[in-house]
Structure formats: C-alpha cells, structure tokens
Amino acid sequence: MRRTDLTEATMQGWARLDAARRQRFFEAFLAAAPRLDRLELRAWLRRRLKNPPLAPPFHPARLIGDADIASS
C-alpha cells in the first residue's frame, strides 16, 4: 500500500466514524505514536484499516454473492 493509498484509506475510514469513535481512535493513535518508529506506526495504521473501527462495514452475504440460498 503506497503512502497516498494509506492516507486515502485512512480518511475514508475516519469519515465513517462518529465523533466518539474518532476521539477514541485519535487517543489510541497518540498513545501508539511515541512508542513506535515510523514503519511500526505505519503497520499499526494498516492493521486498523483492515480491522474495526476503520475497516469498511462487512456483511457476510457478500461472501455468497448472487447465489440464492433457498435454491440449494
């Protein structure tokens, strides 16, 4: 993931959060930043983009696709 992609994905995830979740995420980021070097902090952010709270909503039906469950 390039830096611009990481920034873009972070901003999209940030936009999905409500004010309270943004505050919690920001506090977690501030707690992680001093103890991690640059690459570790980038890895920390990537993990958050793959997992809640920044990950896009996921519905299990997306795994099935267009198949009709009742026809099985």
PDB file of N, CA and C in Angstrom:
ATOM      1  N   MET A   1       0.848  -1.173   0.000  1.00  0.00           N
ATOM      2  CA  MET A   1       0.000   0.000   0.000  1.00  0.00           C
ATOM      3  C   MET A   1       0.894   1.236   0.000  1.00  0.00           C
ATOM      4  N   ARG A   2       0.739   2.059  -1.011  1.00  0.00           N
ATOM      5  CA  ARG A   2       1.518   3.286  -1.102  1.00  0.00           C
ATOM      6  C   ARG A   2       1.037   4.292  -0.070  1.00  0.00           C
ATOM      7  N   ARG A   3       1.874   5.272   0.182  1.00  0.00           N
ATOM      8  CA  ARG A   3       1.544   6.287   1.185  1.00  0.00           C
ATOM      9  C   ARG A   3       0.242   7.004   0.851  1.00  0.00           C
ATOM     10  N   THR A   4       0.033   7.360  -0.419  1.00  0.00           N
ATOM     11  CA  THR A   4      -1.198   8.063  -0.789  1.00  0.00           C
ATOM     12  C   THR A   4      -2.414   7.167  -0.604  1.00  0.00           C
ATOM     13  N   ASP A   5      -2.260   5.866  -0.906  1.00  0.00           N
ATOM     14  CA  ASP A   5      -3.361   4.930  -0.692  1.00  0.00           C
ATOM     15  C   ASP A   5      -3.671   4.794   0.793  1.00  0.00           C
ATOM     16  N   LEU A   6      -2.634   4.753   1.615  1.00  0.00           N
ATOM     17  CA  LEU A   6      -2.819   4.632   3.056  1.00  0.00           C
ATOM     18  C   LEU A   6      -3.528   5.873   3.598  1.00  0.00           C
ATOM     19  N   THR A   7      -3.123   7.034   3.142  1.00  0.00           N
ATOM     20  CA  THR A   7      -3.761   8.276   3.580  1.00  0.00           C
ATOM     21  C   THR A   7      -5.214   8.323   3.132  1.00  0.00           C
ATOM     22  N   GLU A   8      -5.452   7.962   1.888  1.00  0.00           N
ATOM     23  CA  GLU A   8      -6.810   7.960   1.356  1.00  0.00           C
ATOM     24  C   GLU A   8      -7.704   6.982   2.119  1.00  0.00           C
ATOM     25  N   ALA A   9      -7.211   5.779   2.361  1.00  0.00           N
ATOM     26  CA  ALA A   9      -7.991   4.774   3.089  1.00  0.00           C
ATOM     27  C   ALA A   9      -8.248   5.228   4.521  1.00  0.00           C
ATOM     28  N   THR A  10      -7.278   5.874   5.124  1.00  0.00           N
ATOM     29  CA  THR A  10      -7.460   6.380   6.486  1.00  0.00           C
ATOM     30  C   THR A  10      -8.544   7.442   6.525  1.00  0.00           C
ATOM     31  N   MET A  11      -8.522   8.356   5.579  1.00  0.00           N
ATOM     32  CA  MET A  11      -9.534   9.417   5.543  1.00  0.00           C
ATOM     33  C   MET A  11     -10.928   8.857   5.287  1.00  0.00           C
ATOM     34  N   GLN A  12     -11.033   7.837   4.435  1.00  0.00           N
ATOM     35  CA  GLN A  12     -12.336   7.213   4.197  1.00  0.00           C
ATOM     36  C   GLN A  12     -12.839   6.517   5.458  1.00  0.00           C
ATOM     37  N   GLY A  13     -11.953   5.817   6.152  1.00  0.00           N
ATOM     38  CA  GLY A  13     -12.335   5.170   7.404  1.00  0.00           C
ATOM     39  C   GLY A  13     -12.712   6.189   8.460  1.00  0.00           C
ATOM     40  N   TRP A  14     -11.943   7.260   8.537  1.00  0.00           N
ATOM     41  CA  TRP A  14     -12.198   8.325   9.508  1.00  0.00           C
ATOM     42  C   TRP A  14     -13.584   8.932   9.278  1.00  0.00           C
ATOM     43  N   ALA A  15     -13.983   9.086   8.018  1.00  0.00           N
ATOM     44  CA  ALA A  15     -15.285   9.675   7.693  1.00  0.00           C
ATOM     45  C   ALA A  15     -16.440   8.787   8.137  1.00  0.00           C
ATOM     46  N   ARG A  16     -16.207   7.479   8.235  1.00  0.00           N
ATOM     47  CA  ARG A  16     -17.277   6.560   8.661  1.00  0.00           C
ATOM     48  C   ARG A  16     -17.505   6.571  10.173  1.00  0.00           C
ATOM     49  N   LEU A  17     -16.577   7.120  10.935  1.00  0.00           N
ATOM     50  CA  LEU A  17     -16.684   7.078  12.395  1.00  0.00           C
ATOM     51  C   LEU A  17     -17.529   8.226  12.925  1.00  0.00           C
ATOM     52  N   ASP A  18     -18.238   7.946  14.022  1.00  0.00           N
ATOM     53  CA  ASP A  18     -18.934   9.028  14.704  1.00  0.00           C
ATOM     54  C   ASP A  18     -17.923   9.769  15.594  1.00  0.00           C
ATOM     55  N   ALA A  19     -18.348  10.843  16.217  1.00  0.00           N
ATOM     56  CA  ALA A  19     -17.431  11.701  16.984  1.00  0.00           C
ATOM     57  C   ALA A  19     -16.747  10.949  18.132  1.00  0.00           C
ATOM     58  N   ALA A  20     -17.491  10.113  18.848  1.00  0.00           N
ATOM     59  CA  ALA A  20     -16.914   9.386  19.986  1.00  0.00           C
ATOM     60  C   ALA A  20     -15.856   8.377  19.517  1.00  0.00           C
ATOM     61  N   ARG A  21     -16.146   7.674  18.419  1.00  0.00           N
ATOM     62  CA  ARG A  21     -15.176   6.696  17.906  1.00  0.00           C
ATOM     63  C   ARG A  21     -13.946   7.387  17.325  1.00  0.00           C
ATOM     64  N   ARG A  22     -14.137   8.557  16.714  1.00  0.00           N
ATOM     65  CA  ARG A  22     -12.988   9.326  16.226  1.00  0.00           C
ATOM     66  C   ARG A  22     -12.075   9.710  17.380  1.00  0.00           C
ATOM     67  N   GLN A  23     -12.677  10.152  18.464  1.00  0.00           N
ATOM     68  CA  GLN A  23     -11.895  10.550  19.636  1.00  0.00           C
ATOM     69  C   GLN A  23     -11.108   9.369  20.188  1.00  0.00           C
ATOM     70  N   ARG A  24     -11.750   8.201  20.316  1.00  0.00           N
ATOM     71  CA  ARG A  24     -11.057   7.008  20.829  1.00  0.00           C
ATOM     72  C   ARG A  24      -9.926   6.589  19.905  1.00  0.00           C
ATOM     73  N   PHE A  25     -10.167   6.629  18.593  1.00  0.00           N
ATOM     74  CA  PHE A  25      -9.121   6.265  17.646  1.00  0.00           C
ATOM     75  C   PHE A  25      -7.962   7.248  17.732  1.00  0.00           C
ATOM     76  N   PHE A  26      -8.268   8.534  17.800  1.00  0.00           N
ATOM     77  CA  PHE A  26      -7.227   9.556  17.880  1.00  0.00           C
ATOM     78  C   PHE A  26      -6.387   9.378  19.145  1.00  0.00           C
ATOM     79  N   GLU A  27      -7.039   9.071  20.272  1.00  0.00           N
ATOM     80  CA  GLU A  27      -6.303   8.846  21.515  1.00  0.00           C
ATOM     81  C   GLU A  27      -5.421   7.609  21.418  1.00  0.00           C
ATOM     82  N   ALA A  28      -5.913   6.552  20.765  1.00  0.00           N
ATOM     83  CA  ALA A  28      -5.102   5.342  20.579  1.00  0.00           C
ATOM     84  C   ALA A  28      -3.904   5.640  19.684  1.00  0.00           C
ATOM     85  N   PHE A  29      -4.124   6.448  18.651  1.00  0.00           N
ATOM     86  CA  PHE A  29      -3.028   6.827  17.759  1.00  0.00           C
ATOM     87  C   PHE A  29      -1.973   7.631  18.524  1.00  0.00           C
ATOM     88  N   LEU A  30      -2.422   8.577  19.341  1.00  0.00           N
ATOM     89  CA  LEU A  30      -1.482   9.377  20.119  1.00  0.00           C
ATOM     90  C   LEU A  30      -0.718   8.540  21.141  1.00  0.00           C
ATOM     91  N   ALA A  31      -1.347   7.505  21.654  1.00  0.00           N
ATOM     92  CA  ALA A  31      -0.658   6.621  22.599  1.00  0.00           C
ATOM     93  C   ALA A  31       0.367   5.743  21.884  1.00  0.00           C
ATOM     94  N   ALA A  32       0.070   5.346  20.652  1.00  0.00           N
ATOM     95  CA  ALA A  32       0.972   4.471  19.900  1.00  0.00           C
ATOM     96  C   ALA A  32       2.138   5.231  19.282  1.00  0.00           C
ATOM     97  N   ALA A  33       1.909   6.465  18.861  1.00  0.00           N
ATOM     98  CA  ALA A  33       2.920   7.224  18.111  1.00  0.00           C
ATOM     99  C   ALA A  33       4.262   7.369  18.843  1.00  0.00           C
ATOM    100  N   PRO A  34       4.299   7.717  20.125  1.00  0.00           N
ATOM    101  CA  PRO A  34       5.614   7.911  20.766  1.00  0.00           C
ATOM    102  C   PRO A  34       6.414   6.613  20.948  1.00  0.00           C
ATOM    103  N   ARG A  35       5.733   5.494  21.040  1.00  0.00           N
ATOM    104  CA  ARG A  35       6.451   4.248  21.327  1.00  0.00           C
ATOM    105  C   ARG A  35       6.826   3.463  20.077  1.00  0.00           C
ATOM    106  N   LEU A  36       6.310   3.853  18.919  1.00  0.00           N
ATOM    107  CA  LEU A  36       6.580   3.132  17.683  1.00  0.00           C
ATOM    108  C   LEU A  36       7.434   3.981  16.748  1.00  0.00           C
ATOM    109  N   ASP A  37       8.316   3.321  16.010  1.00  0.00           N
ATOM    110  CA  ASP A  37       9.048   4.071  14.986  1.00  0.00           C
ATOM    111  C   ASP A  37       8.149   4.243  13.764  1.00  0.00           C
ATOM    112  N   ARG A  38       8.668   4.884  12.751  1.00  0.00           N
ATOM    113  CA  ARG A  38       7.868   5.246  11.581  1.00  0.00           C
ATOM    114  C   ARG A  38       7.234   4.032  10.888  1.00  0.00           C
ATOM    115  N   LEU A  39       8.015   2.982  10.664  1.00  0.00           N
ATOM    116  CA  LEU A  39       7.482   1.799   9.976  1.00  0.00           C
ATOM    117  C   LEU A  39       6.490   1.039  10.848  1.00  0.00           C
ATOM    118  N   GLU A  40       6.774   0.954  12.138  1.00  0.00           N
ATOM    119  CA  GLU A  40       5.840   0.268  13.042  1.00  0.00           C
ATOM    120  C   GLU A  40       4.523   1.024  13.158  1.00  0.00           C
ATOM    121  N   LEU A  41       4.605   2.356  13.157  1.00  0.00           N
ATOM    122  CA  LEU A  41       3.382   3.157  13.222  1.00  0.00           C
ATOM    123  C   LEU A  41       2.560   2.978  11.946  1.00  0.00           C
ATOM    124  N   ARG A  42       3.225   2.897  10.810  1.00  0.00           N
ATOM    125  CA  ARG A  42       2.526   2.650   9.548  1.00  0.00           C
ATOM    126  C   ARG A  42       1.864   1.266   9.576  1.00  0.00           C
ATOM    127  N   ALA A  43       2.554   0.269  10.122  1.00  0.00           N
ATOM    128  CA  ALA A  43       1.968  -1.071  10.241  1.00  0.00           C
ATOM    129  C   ALA A  43       0.769  -1.048  11.192  1.00  0.00           C
ATOM    130  N   TRP A  44       0.874  -0.288  12.273  1.00  0.00           N
ATOM    131  CA  TRP A  44      -0.229  -0.146  13.234  1.00  0.00           C
ATOM    132  C   TRP A  44      -1.458   0.414  12.514  1.00  0.00           C
ATOM    133  N   LEU A  45      -1.236   1.451  11.696  1.00  0.00           N
ATOM    134  CA  LEU A  45      -2.345   2.067  10.982  1.00  0.00           C
ATOM    135  C   LEU A  45      -2.935   1.105   9.955  1.00  0.00           C
ATOM    136  N   ARG A  46      -2.092   0.365   9.258  1.00  0.00           N
ATOM    137  CA  ARG A  46      -2.600  -0.621   8.282  1.00  0.00           C
ATOM    138  C   ARG A  46      -3.468  -1.670   8.962  1.00  0.00           C
ATOM    139  N   ARG A  47      -3.049  -2.133  10.148  1.00  0.00           N
ATOM    140  CA  ARG A  47      -3.869  -3.118  10.874  1.00  0.00           C
ATOM    141  C   ARG A  47      -5.228  -2.525  11.222  1.00  0.00           C
ATOM    142  N   ARG A  48      -5.261  -1.251  11.584  1.00  0.00           N
ATOM    143  CA  ARG A  48      -6.529  -0.613  11.922  1.00  0.00           C
ATOM    144  C   ARG A  48      -7.409  -0.448  10.690  1.00  0.00           C
ATOM    145  N   LEU A  49      -6.800  -0.318   9.525  1.00  0.00           N
ATOM    146  CA  LEU A  49      -7.593  -0.194   8.301  1.00  0.00           C
ATOM    147  C   LEU A  49      -8.205  -1.526   7.890  1.00  0.00           C
ATOM    148  N   LYS A  50      -7.599  -2.624   8.318  1.00  0.00           N
ATOM    149  CA  LYS A  50      -8.128  -3.950   7.989  1.00  0.00           C
ATOM    150  C   LYS A  50      -9.123  -4.438   9.031  1.00  0.00           C
ATOM    151  N   ASN A  51      -9.094  -3.854  10.207  1.00  0.00           N
ATOM    152  CA  ASN A  51      -9.965  -4.253  11.317  1.00  0.00           C
ATOM    153  C   ASN A  51     -10.739  -3.037  11.803  1.00  0.00           C
ATOM    154  N   PRO A  52     -11.845  -3.253  12.502  1.00  0.00           N
ATOM    155  CA  PRO A  52     -12.582  -2.112  13.038  1.00  0.00           C
ATOM    156  C   PRO A  52     -11.660  -1.270  13.920  1.00  0.00           C
ATOM    157  N   PRO A  53     -11.862   0.016  14.040  1.00  0.00           N
ATOM    158  CA  PRO A  53     -13.018   0.780  13.617  1.00  0.00           C
ATOM    159  C   PRO A  53     -12.933   1.348  12.206  1.00  0.00           C
ATOM    160  N   LEU A  54     -11.771   1.333  11.561  1.00  0.00           N
ATOM    161  CA  LEU A  54     -11.650   1.998  10.269  1.00  0.00           C
ATOM    162  C   LEU A  54     -12.018   1.121   9.082  1.00  0.00           C
ATOM    163  N   ALA A  55     -12.105  -0.173   9.291  1.00  0.00           N
ATOM    164  CA  ALA A  55     -12.433  -1.077   8.185  1.00  0.00           C
ATOM    165  C   ALA A  55     -13.850  -0.800   7.691  1.00  0.00           C
ATOM    166  N   PRO A  56     -14.072  -0.933   6.393  1.00  0.00           N
ATOM    167  CA  PRO A  56     -15.435  -0.715   5.890  1.00  0.00           C
ATOM    168  C   PRO A  56     -16.393  -1.763   6.450  1.00  0.00           C
ATOM    169  N   PRO A  57     -17.658  -1.425   6.568  1.00  0.00           N
ATOM    170  CA  PRO A  57     -18.630  -2.395   7.071  1.00  0.00           C
ATOM    171  C   PRO A  57     -18.633  -3.655   6.203  1.00  0.00           C
ATOM    172  N   PHE A  58     -18.815  -4.772   6.843  1.00  0.00           N
ATOM    173  CA  PHE A  58     -18.788  -6.052   6.136  1.00  0.00           C
ATOM    174  C   PHE A  58     -20.074  -6.801   6.437  1.00  0.00           C
ATOM    175  N   HIS A  59     -20.713  -7.298   5.405  1.00  0.00           N
ATOM    176  CA  HIS A  59     -21.907  -8.111   5.585  1.00  0.00           C
ATOM    177  C   HIS A  59     -21.587  -9.507   5.054  1.00  0.00           C
ATOM    178  N   PRO A  60     -21.815 -10.566   5.857  1.00  0.00           N
ATOM    179  CA  PRO A  60     -21.466 -11.924   5.435  1.00  0.00           C
ATOM    180  C   PRO A  60     -22.098 -12.356   4.119  1.00  0.00           C
ATOM    181  N   ALA A  61     -23.209 -11.760   3.737  1.00  0.00           N
ATOM    182  CA  ALA A  61     -23.859 -12.132   2.487  1.00  0.00           C
ATOM    183  C   ALA A  61     -22.981 -11.812   1.279  1.00  0.00           C
ATOM    184  N   ARG A  62     -22.011 -10.913   1.451  1.00  0.00           N
ATOM    185  CA  ARG A  62     -21.098 -10.609   0.339  1.00  0.00           C
ATOM    186  C   ARG A  62     -20.267 -11.818  -0.038  1.00  0.00           C
ATOM    187  N   LEU A  63     -20.057 -12.731   0.878  1.00  0.00           N
ATOM    188  CA  LEU A  63     -19.287 -13.950   0.597  1.00  0.00           C
ATOM    189  C   LEU A  63     -20.044 -14.870  -0.358  1.00  0.00           C
ATOM    190  N   ILE A  64     -21.354 -14.839  -0.270  1.00  0.00           N
ATOM    191  CA  ILE A  64     -22.186 -15.721  -1.077  1.00  0.00           C
ATOM    192  C   ILE A  64     -22.340 -15.168  -2.477  1.00  0.00           C
ATOM    193  N   GLY A  65     -22.377 -13.872  -2.616  1.00  0.00           N
ATOM    194  CA  GLY A  65     -22.527 -13.253  -3.932  1.00  0.00           C
ATOM    195  C   GLY A  65     -23.979 -13.256  -4.360  1.00  0.00           C
ATOM    196  N   ASP A  66     -24.205 -13.560  -5.623  1.00  0.00           N
ATOM    197  CA  ASP A  66     -25.553 -13.519  -6.179  1.00  0.00           C
ATOM    198  C   ASP A  66     -26.290 -14.845  -6.041  1.00  0.00           C
ATOM    199  N   ALA A  67     -25.653 -15.836  -5.462  1.00  0.00           N
ATOM    200  CA  ALA A  67     -26.296 -17.156  -5.328  1.00  0.00           C
ATOM    201  C   ALA A  67     -27.492 -17.064  -4.396  1.00  0.00           C
ATOM    202  N   ASP A  68     -28.536 -17.761  -4.733  1.00  0.00           N
ATOM    203  CA  ASP A  68     -29.736 -17.790  -3.913  1.00  0.00           C
ATOM    204  C   ASP A  68     -29.627 -18.942  -2.929  1.00  0.00           C
ATOM    205  N   ILE A  69     -29.681 -18.641  -1.654  1.00  0.00           N
ATOM    206  CA  ILE A  69     -29.543 -19.674  -0.623  1.00  0.00           C
ATOM    207  C   ILE A  69     -30.710 -20.654  -0.677  1.00  0.00           C
ATOM    208  N   ALA A  70     -31.907 -20.173  -0.971  1.00  0.00           N
ATOM    209  CA  ALA A  70     -33.087 -21.021  -0.979  1.00  0.00           C
ATOM    210  C   ALA A  70     -33.042 -22.048  -2.103  1.00  0.00           C
ATOM    211  N   SER A  71     -32.286 -21.797  -3.159  1.00  0.00           N
ATOM    212  CA  SER A  71     -32.253 -22.742  -4.274  1.00  0.00           C
ATOM    213  C   SER A  71     -31.325 -23.933  -4.018  1.00  0.00           C
ATOM    214  N   SER A  72     -30.594 -23.912  -2.928  1.00  0.00           N
ATOM    215  CA  SER A  72     -29.665 -25.013  -2.637  1.00  0.00           C
ATOM    216  C   SER A  72     -30.370 -26.239  -2.141  1.00  0.00           C
TER     217      SER A  72
END
